[in-house]
Amino acid sequence: MPNPPKSRYLKVVRSFGDYSKASLPLTGRWLEKAGFVIGSRVEVVVRKGCLMIVPLVEEEK
């Protein structure tokens, strides 16, 4: 039986550049364990008050 999902608590920080904007840095070994391997692409579904991040499955050529 797989492990139950775990919540991660992060802080929205300010990203600097031409102007300040919200940034949500995601780092950790837990990302790969959740299916997000380095170099892979993701889809971010945006809803008011909710972000859903889904790893994209690359089609075989």
N, C-alpha and C. Protein backbone atom coordinates (compact mmCIF):
# COMPACT_ATOMS: atom_id res chain seq x y z
N MET A 1 0.85 -1.19 0.00
CA MET A 1 0.00 0.00 0.00
C MET A 1 0.90 1.25 0.00
N PRO A 2 0.66 2.20 -0.91
CA PRO A 2 1.50 3.39 -0.97
C PRO A 2 1.33 4.27 0.26
N ASN A 3 2.36 5.09 0.51
CA ASN A 3 2.28 6.03 1.64
C ASN A 3 1.22 7.08 1.36
N PRO A 4 0.53 7.53 2.40
CA PRO A 4 -0.46 8.60 2.19
C PRO A 4 0.25 9.90 1.80
N PRO A 5 -0.44 10.78 1.05
CA PRO A 5 0.19 12.04 0.66
C PRO A 5 0.55 12.87 1.88
N LYS A 6 1.65 13.61 1.76
CA LYS A 6 2.08 14.49 2.84
C LYS A 6 1.94 15.93 2.39
N SER A 7 1.56 16.78 3.30
CA SER A 7 1.48 18.21 3.01
C SER A 7 2.85 18.83 3.18
N ARG A 8 3.14 19.84 2.39
CA ARG A 8 4.37 20.62 2.51
C ARG A 8 3.95 22.06 2.76
N TYR A 9 4.59 22.71 3.68
CA TYR A 9 4.25 24.09 4.02
C TYR A 9 5.39 25.00 3.58
N LEU A 10 5.08 25.93 2.70
CA LEU A 10 6.06 26.82 2.11
C LEU A 10 5.64 28.26 2.33
N LYS A 11 6.56 29.16 2.11
CA LYS A 11 6.27 30.58 2.23
C LYS A 11 6.39 31.24 0.86
N VAL A 12 5.40 32.03 0.50
CA VAL A 12 5.47 32.81 -0.74
C VAL A 12 6.43 33.96 -0.47
N VAL A 13 7.46 34.06 -1.31
CA VAL A 13 8.49 35.08 -1.12
C VAL A 13 8.47 36.06 -2.29
N ARG A 14 9.21 37.14 -2.13
CA ARG A 14 9.30 38.15 -3.18
C ARG A 14 10.47 37.83 -4.09
N SER A 15 10.22 37.88 -5.39
CA SER A 15 11.27 37.69 -6.39
C SER A 15 11.61 39.07 -6.95
N PHE A 16 12.89 39.36 -7.04
CA PHE A 16 13.30 40.68 -7.51
C PHE A 16 13.72 40.62 -8.96
N GLY A 17 13.61 41.71 -9.63
CA GLY A 17 13.98 41.85 -11.03
C GLY A 17 13.60 43.25 -11.42
N ASP A 18 12.96 43.38 -12.56
CA ASP A 18 12.47 44.70 -12.99
C ASP A 18 11.43 45.23 -12.01
N TYR A 19 10.66 44.34 -11.45
CA TYR A 19 9.66 44.70 -10.44
C TYR A 19 9.48 43.49 -9.53
N SER A 20 8.96 43.70 -8.35
CA SER A 20 8.80 42.58 -7.45
C SER A 20 7.55 41.78 -7.78
N LYS A 21 7.66 40.48 -7.60
CA LYS A 21 6.55 39.58 -7.88
C LYS A 21 6.63 38.39 -6.94
N ALA A 22 5.52 37.73 -6.76
CA ALA A 22 5.46 36.57 -5.85
C ALA A 22 6.22 35.39 -6.45
N SER A 23 6.88 34.64 -5.58
CA SER A 23 7.64 33.47 -6.01
C SER A 23 7.41 32.35 -5.00
N LEU A 24 7.33 31.14 -5.50
CA LEU A 24 7.12 29.97 -4.65
C LEU A 24 8.18 28.93 -4.99
N PRO A 25 9.35 28.99 -4.34
CA PRO A 25 10.41 28.03 -4.67
C PRO A 25 10.10 26.63 -4.15
N LEU A 26 10.17 25.66 -5.03
CA LEU A 26 9.93 24.26 -4.66
C LEU A 26 11.24 23.50 -4.84
N THR A 27 11.79 22.99 -3.76
CA THR A 27 13.02 22.20 -3.83
C THR A 27 12.94 21.07 -2.82
N GLY A 28 13.59 19.99 -3.13
CA GLY A 28 13.66 18.88 -2.18
C GLY A 28 13.60 17.53 -2.86
N ARG A 29 14.10 16.53 -2.16
CA ARG A 29 14.07 15.17 -2.69
C ARG A 29 12.64 14.66 -2.84
N TRP A 30 11.74 15.22 -2.08
CA TRP A 30 10.34 14.79 -2.14
C TRP A 30 9.73 15.03 -3.52
N LEU A 31 10.27 16.02 -4.28
CA LEU A 31 9.74 16.28 -5.62
C LEU A 31 9.94 15.07 -6.53
N GLU A 32 11.15 14.51 -6.54
CA GLU A 32 11.41 13.35 -7.38
C GLU A 32 10.60 12.14 -6.91
N LYS A 33 10.47 11.99 -5.60
CA LYS A 33 9.67 10.88 -5.07
C LYS A 33 8.21 11.01 -5.50
N ALA A 34 7.79 12.26 -5.75
CA ALA A 34 6.41 12.51 -6.18
C ALA A 34 6.25 12.44 -7.70
N GLY A 35 7.35 12.14 -8.42
CA GLY A 35 7.25 11.99 -9.87
C GLY A 35 7.76 13.16 -10.68
N PHE A 36 8.42 14.11 -10.04
CA PHE A 36 8.95 15.29 -10.74
C PHE A 36 10.46 15.15 -10.86
N VAL A 37 10.91 14.53 -11.96
CA VAL A 37 12.34 14.30 -12.14
C VAL A 37 13.00 15.52 -12.78
N ILE A 38 14.28 15.70 -12.50
CA ILE A 38 15.03 16.83 -13.04
C ILE A 38 14.96 16.81 -14.56
N GLY A 39 14.66 17.96 -15.15
CA GLY A 39 14.58 18.09 -16.60
C GLY A 39 13.21 17.81 -17.18
N SER A 40 12.30 17.28 -16.38
CA SER A 40 10.96 16.99 -16.90
C SER A 40 10.13 18.26 -16.96
N ARG A 41 9.06 18.22 -17.72
CA ARG A 41 8.16 19.36 -17.87
C ARG A 41 6.91 19.13 -17.03
N VAL A 42 6.29 20.23 -16.61
CA VAL A 42 5.09 20.14 -15.79
C VAL A 42 4.01 21.06 -16.35
N GLU A 43 2.80 20.78 -15.96
CA GLU A 43 1.66 21.66 -16.23
C GLU A 43 1.25 22.24 -14.88
N VAL A 44 1.03 23.56 -14.85
CA VAL A 44 0.54 24.21 -13.64
C VAL A 44 -0.88 24.69 -13.92
N VAL A 45 -1.85 24.11 -13.24
CA VAL A 45 -3.25 24.50 -13.37
C VAL A 45 -3.53 25.53 -12.29
N VAL A 46 -3.99 26.71 -12.69
CA VAL A 46 -4.18 27.82 -11.76
C VAL A 46 -5.66 28.07 -11.52
N ARG A 47 -6.05 28.05 -10.27
CA ARG A 47 -7.40 28.39 -9.84
C ARG A 47 -7.25 29.39 -8.69
N LYS A 48 -8.27 30.15 -8.41
CA LYS A 48 -8.20 31.10 -7.30
C LYS A 48 -7.94 30.34 -6.01
N GLY A 49 -6.82 30.63 -5.37
CA GLY A 49 -6.48 29.99 -4.11
C GLY A 49 -5.94 28.58 -4.23
N CYS A 50 -5.65 28.11 -5.45
CA CYS A 50 -5.20 26.73 -5.62
C CYS A 50 -4.28 26.61 -6.83
N LEU A 51 -3.15 25.92 -6.66
CA LEU A 51 -2.26 25.55 -7.76
C LEU A 51 -2.16 24.03 -7.79
N MET A 52 -2.31 23.45 -8.97
CA MET A 52 -2.13 22.01 -9.12
C MET A 52 -0.99 21.81 -10.11
N ILE A 53 0.05 21.10 -9.70
CA ILE A 53 1.23 20.89 -10.54
C ILE A 53 1.24 19.42 -10.95
N VAL A 54 1.23 19.18 -12.26
CA VAL A 54 1.13 17.83 -12.79
C VAL A 54 2.32 17.55 -13.70
N PRO A 55 3.06 16.45 -13.47
CA PRO A 55 4.16 16.12 -14.38
C PRO A 55 3.59 15.71 -15.74
N LEU A 56 4.22 16.20 -16.81
CA LEU A 56 3.78 15.84 -18.15
C LEU A 56 4.49 14.56 -18.58
N VAL A 57 3.74 13.65 -19.17
CA VAL A 57 4.31 12.40 -19.66
C VAL A 57 4.73 12.65 -21.10
N GLU A 58 6.02 12.42 -21.38
CA GLU A 58 6.51 12.62 -22.74
C GLU A 58 6.07 11.45 -23.60
N GLU A 59 5.62 11.78 -24.82
CA GLU A 59 5.20 10.74 -25.75
C GLU A 59 6.43 10.05 -26.31
N GLU A 60 6.32 8.73 -26.49
CA GLU A 60 7.42 7.98 -27.09
C GLU A 60 7.49 8.29 -28.57
N LYS A 61 8.72 8.40 -29.09
CA LYS A 61 8.90 8.74 -30.51
C LYS A 61 9.16 7.50 -31.32
